[in-house]
């Protein structure tokens, strides 16, 4: 509906601010999505495809009540990536995913951001499970899912036949 206001939360952790995407975030997002860094995802072939992914991430908020948040390092103004909850006809189940921009890996940002968004989703949306669809060669994302407490679910439906599915269950303290 035109004119409908959608609430996109701002989440804060010790080091990060997770905030709504803005058009100014697109250039860095597109650069990452077009690059080989996105080889384990449905890599965008060009800026138009990257734009379609970007607006889909934002549209999720009005369609489902969850979506993507940009990951900013508190006090620096530096955006280091995105964390998102995805759904729709291309996802067998609701997925939590993450992406970091080049040079932002190995600092725990994705784990901290994904954990905060996961906890928010379990307390604010009524979801009781989330999955992460991960390419078997993406060892860093597999380790991250395991750090978040997700476990491999070999019986889960996959987005792509090759995907591994990691199931995130609601933590007891959420």
Protein backbone atom coordinates (compact mmCIF):
# COMPACT_ATOMS: atom_id res chain seq x y z
CA UNK A 1 0.00 0.00 0.00
CA UNK A 2 1.35 3.39 -0.92
CA UNK A 3 1.83 5.56 2.12
CA UNK A 4 1.98 2.64 4.53
CA UNK A 5 4.69 3.05 7.13
CA UNK A 6 6.78 -0.02 7.78
CA UNK A 7 8.73 -0.24 11.02
CA UNK A 8 12.28 -1.48 10.50
CA UNK A 9 14.00 -1.86 13.85
CA UNK A 10 17.46 -0.66 14.76
CA UNK A 11 19.28 -3.30 16.79
CA UNK A 12 22.38 -2.59 18.83
CA UNK A 13 25.06 -4.88 20.16
CA UNK A 14 28.22 -4.11 22.03
CA UNK A 15 30.10 -3.16 18.87
CA UNK A 16 27.47 -2.86 16.15
CA UNK A 17 24.40 -0.98 15.03
CA UNK A 18 22.09 -2.92 12.72
CA UNK A 19 19.97 -0.46 10.78
CA UNK A 20 17.60 -0.15 7.86
CA UNK A 21 19.20 -0.14 4.42
CA UNK A 22 19.35 3.22 2.64
CA UNK A 23 19.94 4.04 -1.02
CA UNK A 24 23.44 5.24 -0.08
CA UNK A 25 24.28 1.64 0.87
CA UNK A 26 23.71 0.34 -2.64
CA UNK A 27 27.14 1.03 -4.19
CA UNK A 28 29.09 -1.07 -1.67
CA UNK A 29 26.37 -3.74 -1.72
CA UNK A 30 26.43 -3.92 -5.54
CA UNK A 31 30.21 -4.10 -5.62
CA UNK A 32 30.13 -7.08 -3.26
CA UNK A 33 27.24 -8.85 -5.01
CA UNK A 34 28.88 -8.55 -8.43
CA UNK A 35 32.29 -9.67 -7.17
CA UNK A 36 33.64 -13.17 -6.72
CA UNK A 37 32.93 -12.70 -2.97
CA UNK A 38 29.32 -13.65 -3.79
CA UNK A 39 30.31 -16.88 -5.53
CA UNK A 40 28.61 -19.00 -2.83
CA UNK A 41 25.35 -17.06 -3.16
CA UNK A 42 23.10 -16.36 -6.10
CA UNK A 43 25.72 -13.96 -7.40
CA UNK A 44 24.39 -10.89 -9.20
CA UNK A 45 25.59 -10.73 -12.81
CA UNK A 46 25.43 -6.92 -13.03
CA UNK A 47 24.27 -3.76 -11.21
CA UNK A 48 20.65 -4.31 -12.28
CA UNK A 49 20.59 -7.77 -10.71
CA UNK A 50 22.30 -6.39 -7.59
CA UNK A 51 19.63 -3.68 -7.39
CA UNK A 52 16.89 -6.34 -7.58
CA UNK A 53 18.49 -8.18 -4.63
CA UNK A 54 18.88 -4.93 -2.68
CA UNK A 55 15.25 -3.85 -3.09
CA UNK A 56 14.06 -7.38 -2.33
CA UNK A 57 15.96 -7.23 0.96
CA UNK A 58 14.15 -3.99 1.81
CA UNK A 59 10.74 -5.17 0.54
CA UNK A 60 10.82 -8.14 2.88
CA UNK A 61 10.03 -5.76 5.75
CA UNK A 62 6.64 -4.78 4.33
CA UNK A 63 5.83 -8.25 3.02
CA UNK A 64 6.89 -10.38 6.00
CA UNK A 65 7.77 -8.13 8.94
CA UNK A 66 11.47 -8.97 8.68
CA UNK A 67 14.24 -8.37 6.17
CA UNK A 68 17.76 -7.01 5.85
CA UNK A 69 19.71 -4.74 8.16
CA UNK A 70 23.01 -3.09 7.38
CA UNK A 71 25.87 -3.76 9.80
CA UNK A 72 27.58 -0.60 11.04
CA UNK A 73 30.54 -0.56 13.43
CA UNK A 74 29.46 1.58 16.37
CA UNK A 75 31.13 4.97 16.52
CA UNK A 76 32.96 4.64 13.21
CA UNK A 77 30.27 5.16 10.57
CA UNK A 78 31.73 2.16 8.74
CA UNK A 79 29.25 -0.24 7.14
CA UNK A 80 30.79 -3.72 7.01
CA UNK A 81 27.99 -5.80 5.50
CA UNK A 82 24.42 -6.96 5.84
CA UNK A 83 22.47 -9.53 7.81
CA UNK A 84 19.00 -10.61 6.69
CA UNK A 85 16.02 -12.82 7.20
CA UNK A 86 14.60 -14.01 3.88
CA UNK A 87 11.43 -15.73 2.78
CA UNK A 88 9.17 -15.97 -0.21
CA UNK A 89 8.66 -18.40 -3.06
CA UNK A 90 12.40 -19.00 -3.63
CA UNK A 91 12.98 -20.07 -0.02
CA UNK A 92 11.62 -23.41 1.24
CA UNK A 93 11.92 -22.06 4.82
CA UNK A 94 12.69 -18.74 6.42
CA UNK A 95 16.42 -18.14 6.15
CA UNK A 96 18.90 -16.05 8.08
CA UNK A 97 21.91 -15.01 6.04
CA UNK A 98 24.89 -12.70 6.24
CA UNK A 99 27.43 -11.06 4.02
CA UNK A 100 30.50 -9.05 4.85
CA UNK A 101 32.35 -6.59 2.68
CA UNK A 102 35.97 -7.22 1.81
CA UNK A 103 38.33 -6.51 4.69
CA UNK A 104 35.65 -7.00 7.37
CA UNK A 105 36.09 -10.74 7.90
CA UNK A 106 37.62 -12.39 10.94
CA UNK A 107 36.48 -9.79 13.45
CA UNK A 108 33.29 -11.47 14.64
CA UNK A 109 30.97 -8.92 13.01
CA UNK A 110 28.83 -11.49 11.17
CA UNK A 111 28.46 -13.70 14.24
CA UNK A 112 27.49 -10.75 16.43
CA UNK A 113 25.06 -9.32 13.88
CA UNK A 114 23.45 -12.64 12.93
CA UNK A 115 23.03 -13.58 16.60
CA UNK A 116 21.32 -10.27 17.33
CA UNK A 117 18.98 -10.53 14.34
CA UNK A 118 18.21 -14.19 15.13
CA UNK A 119 17.32 -13.33 18.72
CA UNK A 120 15.19 -10.37 17.59
CA UNK A 121 13.36 -12.63 15.11
CA UNK A 122 12.58 -15.24 17.75
CA UNK A 123 11.29 -12.68 20.23
CA UNK A 124 9.51 -10.30 17.82
CA UNK A 125 8.10 -12.30 14.91
CA UNK A 126 6.85 -15.58 16.34
CA UNK A 127 9.35 -17.62 14.32
CA UNK A 128 10.55 -20.71 16.17
CA UNK A 129 13.18 -21.85 13.68
CA UNK A 130 15.37 -20.38 10.97
CA UNK A 131 17.68 -22.05 8.49
CA UNK A 132 20.81 -21.01 6.66
CA UNK A 133 21.37 -22.37 3.15
CA UNK A 134 25.13 -22.69 2.73
CA UNK A 135 27.27 -23.88 -0.16
CA UNK A 136 29.37 -26.84 1.07
CA UNK A 137 32.57 -25.07 -0.02
CA UNK A 138 31.81 -21.98 2.06
CA UNK A 139 33.70 -23.12 5.15
CA UNK A 140 33.58 -19.68 6.81
CA UNK A 141 29.77 -19.58 6.72
CA UNK A 142 29.53 -23.17 7.95
CA UNK A 143 31.74 -22.29 10.94
CA UNK A 144 29.68 -19.16 11.59
CA UNK A 145 26.40 -21.12 11.57
CA UNK A 146 27.93 -23.61 14.02
CA UNK A 147 29.15 -20.77 16.29
CA UNK A 148 25.55 -19.54 16.36
CA UNK A 149 24.45 -22.99 17.55
CA UNK A 150 22.89 -24.11 14.27
CA UNK A 151 23.05 -27.79 13.41
CA UNK A 152 23.11 -29.49 10.03
CA UNK A 153 19.67 -30.71 8.96
CA UNK A 154 20.22 -33.25 6.17
CA UNK A 155 16.46 -33.84 5.80
CA UNK A 156 15.53 -30.19 5.17
CA UNK A 157 14.45 -29.02 1.74
CA UNK A 158 17.16 -27.06 -0.05
CA UNK A 159 17.13 -23.92 -2.20
CA UNK A 160 19.74 -25.51 -4.47
CA UNK A 161 20.46 -29.25 -4.62
CA UNK A 162 24.03 -28.68 -3.45
CA UNK A 163 23.14 -26.57 -0.39
CA UNK A 164 23.78 -27.63 3.17
CA UNK A 165 20.99 -26.60 5.52
CA UNK A 166 21.81 -25.45 9.04
CA UNK A 167 18.89 -25.11 11.45
CA UNK A 168 18.84 -22.37 14.07
CA UNK A 169 16.50 -23.12 16.95
CA UNK A 170 15.22 -20.59 19.42
CA UNK A 171 17.77 -20.29 22.23
CA UNK A 172 16.42 -21.05 25.70
CA UNK A 173 17.23 -17.59 27.02
CA UNK A 174 15.35 -15.73 24.27
